[in-house]
């Protein structure tokens, strides 16, 4: 694996780990200042909206007792821009170990001043997800 792909994979892992550790600042820091996060629950544009979104999810309990995991991924790098597609799943880690949701991320990742961050992340949830069942 080349250095760029490794750095991008580390970025994607930091994103996932920040959800489970409730590190809202780290989560927001995986995006550029003008980054865009599109999820089935809404769109957040800019770091302050992204930070507010993850804070709202954590404060509201939607991520409580859940463990987020990233599965298969593909990263294509062209200079200072990369695209990434990865699968994810979320398990109930508190009351059993059932999968509560799965889906896919589609990303545009750019390198600015030598640092890779998300420019845009689009999250898709598979049809089996039931609102209220968790995420």
C-alpha atoms as a PDB file:
ATOM      1  CA  UNK A   1       0.000   0.000   0.000  1.00  0.00           C
ATOM      2  CA  UNK A   2       1.411   3.400  -0.906  1.00  0.00           C
ATOM      3  CA  UNK A   3       1.728   6.281   1.566  1.00  0.00           C
ATOM      4  CA  UNK A   4      -1.261   8.245   0.227  1.00  0.00           C
ATOM      5  CA  UNK A   5      -3.640   5.298   0.520  1.00  0.00           C
ATOM      6  CA  UNK A   6      -2.352   4.512   4.006  1.00  0.00           C
ATOM      7  CA  UNK A   7      -2.898   8.121   5.141  1.00  0.00           C
ATOM      8  CA  UNK A   8      -6.403   8.117   3.679  1.00  0.00           C
ATOM      9  CA  UNK A   9      -7.244   4.806   5.336  1.00  0.00           C
ATOM     10  CA  UNK A  10      -6.020   6.241   8.655  1.00  0.00           C
ATOM     11  CA  UNK A  11      -8.327   9.233   8.087  1.00  0.00           C
ATOM     12  CA  UNK A  12     -11.302   6.949   7.470  1.00  0.00           C
ATOM     13  CA  UNK A  13     -10.464   4.924  10.585  1.00  0.00           C
ATOM     14  CA  UNK A  14     -10.223   8.111  12.704  1.00  0.00           C
ATOM     15  CA  UNK A  15     -13.707   9.049  11.491  1.00  0.00           C
ATOM     16  CA  UNK A  16     -15.170   5.717  12.642  1.00  0.00           C
ATOM     17  CA  UNK A  17     -13.284   5.699  15.958  1.00  0.00           C
ATOM     18  CA  UNK A  18     -14.405   9.272  16.726  1.00  0.00           C
ATOM     19  CA  UNK A  19     -18.051   8.167  16.554  1.00  0.00           C
ATOM     20  CA  UNK A  20     -17.595   5.419  19.141  1.00  0.00           C
ATOM     21  CA  UNK A  21     -15.369   7.452  21.467  1.00  0.00           C
ATOM     22  CA  UNK A  22     -17.766  10.417  21.211  1.00  0.00           C
ATOM     23  CA  UNK A  23     -14.871  12.640  20.177  1.00  0.00           C
ATOM     24  CA  UNK A  24     -16.941  15.194  18.292  1.00  0.00           C
ATOM     25  CA  UNK A  25     -13.971  17.469  17.565  1.00  0.00           C
ATOM     26  CA  UNK A  26     -11.978  14.590  16.037  1.00  0.00           C
ATOM     27  CA  UNK A  27     -15.000  13.601  13.955  1.00  0.00           C
ATOM     28  CA  UNK A  28     -15.361  17.146  12.589  1.00  0.00           C
ATOM     29  CA  UNK A  29     -11.597  17.382  12.043  1.00  0.00           C
ATOM     30  CA  UNK A  30     -11.733  14.544   9.498  1.00  0.00           C
ATOM     31  CA  UNK A  31     -13.444  17.072   7.187  1.00  0.00           C
ATOM     32  CA  UNK A  32     -11.992  20.176   5.534  1.00  0.00           C
ATOM     33  CA  UNK A  33     -13.373  23.469   6.882  1.00  0.00           C
ATOM     34  CA  UNK A  34     -15.780  23.624   3.932  1.00  0.00           C
ATOM     35  CA  UNK A  35     -16.481  19.874   3.894  1.00  0.00           C
ATOM     36  CA  UNK A  36     -19.905  18.419   3.186  1.00  0.00           C
ATOM     37  CA  UNK A  37     -21.484  15.437   4.951  1.00  0.00           C
ATOM     38  CA  UNK A  38     -24.606  14.010   3.322  1.00  0.00           C
ATOM     39  CA  UNK A  39     -26.426  11.403   5.371  1.00  0.00           C
ATOM     40  CA  UNK A  40     -29.915   9.913   5.261  1.00  0.00           C
ATOM     41  CA  UNK A  41     -30.658  12.184   8.238  1.00  0.00           C
ATOM     42  CA  UNK A  42     -29.673  15.444   6.533  1.00  0.00           C
ATOM     43  CA  UNK A  43     -26.780  17.425   5.076  1.00  0.00           C
ATOM     44  CA  UNK A  44     -24.177  19.355   7.052  1.00  0.00           C
ATOM     45  CA  UNK A  45     -21.939  21.846   5.254  1.00  0.00           C
ATOM     46  CA  UNK A  46     -18.847  23.246   6.914  1.00  0.00           C
ATOM     47  CA  UNK A  47     -17.041  22.105  10.009  1.00  0.00           C
ATOM     48  CA  UNK A  48     -19.359  23.914  12.456  1.00  0.00           C
ATOM     49  CA  UNK A  49     -22.482  22.211  11.038  1.00  0.00           C
ATOM     50  CA  UNK A  50     -20.710  18.845  10.961  1.00  0.00           C
ATOM     51  CA  UNK A  51     -19.642  19.310  14.592  1.00  0.00           C
ATOM     52  CA  UNK A  52     -23.193  20.300  15.577  1.00  0.00           C
ATOM     53  CA  UNK A  53     -24.603  17.251  13.782  1.00  0.00           C
ATOM     54  CA  UNK A  54     -22.374  14.681  15.500  1.00  0.00           C
ATOM     55  CA  UNK A  55     -22.864  16.424  18.842  1.00  0.00           C
ATOM     56  CA  UNK A  56     -26.648  16.227  18.388  1.00  0.00           C
ATOM     57  CA  UNK A  57     -26.447  12.511  17.575  1.00  0.00           C
ATOM     58  CA  UNK A  58     -24.290  11.768  20.599  1.00  0.00           C
ATOM     59  CA  UNK A  59     -26.372  13.931  22.945  1.00  0.00           C
ATOM     60  CA  UNK A  60     -29.586  12.399  21.615  1.00  0.00           C
ATOM     61  CA  UNK A  61     -28.359   8.853  22.242  1.00  0.00           C
ATOM     62  CA  UNK A  62     -28.589   7.538  18.677  1.00  0.00           C
ATOM     63  CA  UNK A  63     -25.011   6.218  18.901  1.00  0.00           C
ATOM     64  CA  UNK A  64     -25.215   4.985  22.513  1.00  0.00           C
ATOM     65  CA  UNK A  65     -24.231   1.355  22.944  1.00  0.00           C
ATOM     66  CA  UNK A  66     -23.283   1.008  19.282  1.00  0.00           C
ATOM     67  CA  UNK A  67     -19.995   0.017  17.653  1.00  0.00           C
ATOM     68  CA  UNK A  68     -19.299   1.328  14.132  1.00  0.00           C
ATOM     69  CA  UNK A  69     -17.092  -0.643  11.770  1.00  0.00           C
ATOM     70  CA  UNK A  70     -15.726  -0.059   8.305  1.00  0.00           C
ATOM     71  CA  UNK A  71     -15.462  -3.066   6.037  1.00  0.00           C
ATOM     72  CA  UNK A  72     -14.332  -3.400   2.470  1.00  0.00           C
ATOM     73  CA  UNK A  73     -12.890  -0.227   0.953  1.00  0.00           C
ATOM     74  CA  UNK A  74     -11.500   1.059  -2.309  1.00  0.00           C
ATOM     75  CA  UNK A  75      -9.355   4.165  -2.600  1.00  0.00           C
ATOM     76  CA  UNK A  76      -8.317   5.708  -5.919  1.00  0.00           C
ATOM     77  CA  UNK A  77      -5.752   8.526  -5.789  1.00  0.00           C
ATOM     78  CA  UNK A  78      -5.108  11.057  -8.554  1.00  0.00           C
ATOM     79  CA  UNK A  79      -2.618  13.660  -7.350  1.00  0.00           C
ATOM     80  CA  UNK A  80      -4.120  15.647  -4.472  1.00  0.00           C
ATOM     81  CA  UNK A  81      -7.625  14.213  -4.914  1.00  0.00           C
ATOM     82  CA  UNK A  82      -8.916  10.778  -4.101  1.00  0.00           C
ATOM     83  CA  UNK A  83     -12.208   8.959  -4.209  1.00  0.00           C
ATOM     84  CA  UNK A  84     -13.174   6.262  -1.798  1.00  0.00           C
ATOM     85  CA  UNK A  85     -15.994   3.780  -1.466  1.00  0.00           C
ATOM     86  CA  UNK A  86     -16.358   1.703   1.667  1.00  0.00           C
ATOM     87  CA  UNK A  87     -18.935  -0.461   3.362  1.00  0.00           C
ATOM     88  CA  UNK A  88     -19.833  -0.129   7.013  1.00  0.00           C
ATOM     89  CA  UNK A  89     -21.953  -1.838   9.594  1.00  0.00           C
ATOM     90  CA  UNK A  90     -23.121  -0.879  13.047  1.00  0.00           C
ATOM     91  CA  UNK A  91     -23.630  -3.391  15.824  1.00  0.00           C
ATOM     92  CA  UNK A  92     -25.454  -3.181  19.108  1.00  0.00           C
ATOM     93  CA  UNK A  93     -22.547  -3.568  21.526  1.00  0.00           C
ATOM     94  CA  UNK A  94     -24.561  -3.084  24.704  1.00  0.00           C
ATOM     95  CA  UNK A  95     -27.486  -5.497  24.544  1.00  0.00           C
ATOM     96  CA  UNK A  96     -26.278  -8.334  22.342  1.00  0.00           C
ATOM     97  CA  UNK A  97     -24.307  -8.110  19.149  1.00  0.00           C
ATOM     98  CA  UNK A  98     -26.911  -7.821  16.418  1.00  0.00           C
ATOM     99  CA  UNK A  99     -26.260  -5.667  13.359  1.00  0.00           C
ATOM    100  CA  UNK A 100     -28.546  -2.637  13.491  1.00  0.00           C
ATOM    101  CA  UNK A 101     -27.524  -0.994  10.222  1.00  0.00           C
ATOM    102  CA  UNK A 102     -25.218  -1.351   7.251  1.00  0.00           C
ATOM    103  CA  UNK A 103     -24.463   0.731   4.234  1.00  0.00           C
ATOM    104  CA  UNK A 104     -21.885   2.473   2.109  1.00  0.00           C
ATOM    105  CA  UNK A 105     -19.808   5.638   2.166  1.00  0.00           C
ATOM    106  CA  UNK A 106     -18.815   7.407  -1.054  1.00  0.00           C
ATOM    107  CA  UNK A 107     -16.119  10.019  -0.527  1.00  0.00           C
ATOM    108  CA  UNK A 108     -14.158  12.765  -2.185  1.00  0.00           C
ATOM    109  CA  UNK A 109     -10.948  13.284  -0.222  1.00  0.00           C
ATOM    110  CA  UNK A 110      -8.468  16.044  -0.945  1.00  0.00           C
ATOM    111  CA  UNK A 111      -4.987  16.872   0.235  1.00  0.00           C
ATOM    112  CA  UNK A 112      -4.435  20.476   1.317  1.00  0.00           C
ATOM    113  CA  UNK A 113      -1.087  21.575   2.745  1.00  0.00           C
ATOM    114  CA  UNK A 114      -0.022  17.923   2.824  1.00  0.00           C
ATOM    115  CA  UNK A 115      -3.029  16.724   4.864  1.00  0.00           C
ATOM    116  CA  UNK A 116      -5.780  14.431   3.542  1.00  0.00           C
ATOM    117  CA  UNK A 117      -9.322  15.232   4.717  1.00  0.00           C
ATOM    118  CA  UNK A 118     -12.848  14.604   3.567  1.00  0.00           C
ATOM    119  CA  UNK A 119     -14.155  17.180   1.108  1.00  0.00           C
ATOM    120  CA  UNK A 120     -17.467  15.332   0.764  1.00  0.00           C
ATOM    121  CA  UNK A 121     -18.872  12.191   2.322  1.00  0.00           C
ATOM    122  CA  UNK A 122     -22.163  10.652   1.215  1.00  0.00           C
ATOM    123  CA  UNK A 123     -23.590   7.992   3.514  1.00  0.00           C
ATOM    124  CA  UNK A 124     -26.142   5.480   2.280  1.00  0.00           C
ATOM    125  CA  UNK A 125     -28.001   3.137   4.618  1.00  0.00           C
ATOM    126  CA  UNK A 126     -29.168  -0.230   3.322  1.00  0.00           C
ATOM    127  CA  UNK A 127     -32.959  -0.730   3.060  1.00  0.00           C
ATOM    128  CA  UNK A 128     -32.984  -3.151   6.008  1.00  0.00           C
ATOM    129  CA  UNK A 129     -32.402  -0.237   8.455  1.00  0.00           C
ATOM    130  CA  UNK A 130     -35.437   0.631  10.543  1.00  0.00           C
ATOM    131  CA  UNK A 131     -35.540   4.160  11.988  1.00  0.00           C
ATOM    132  CA  UNK A 132     -35.538   3.916  15.757  1.00  0.00           C
ATOM    133  CA  UNK A 133     -33.691   0.599  15.739  1.00  0.00           C
ATOM    134  CA  UNK A 134     -30.378   2.457  16.180  1.00  0.00           C
ATOM    135  CA  UNK A 135     -27.393   3.603  14.217  1.00  0.00           C
END
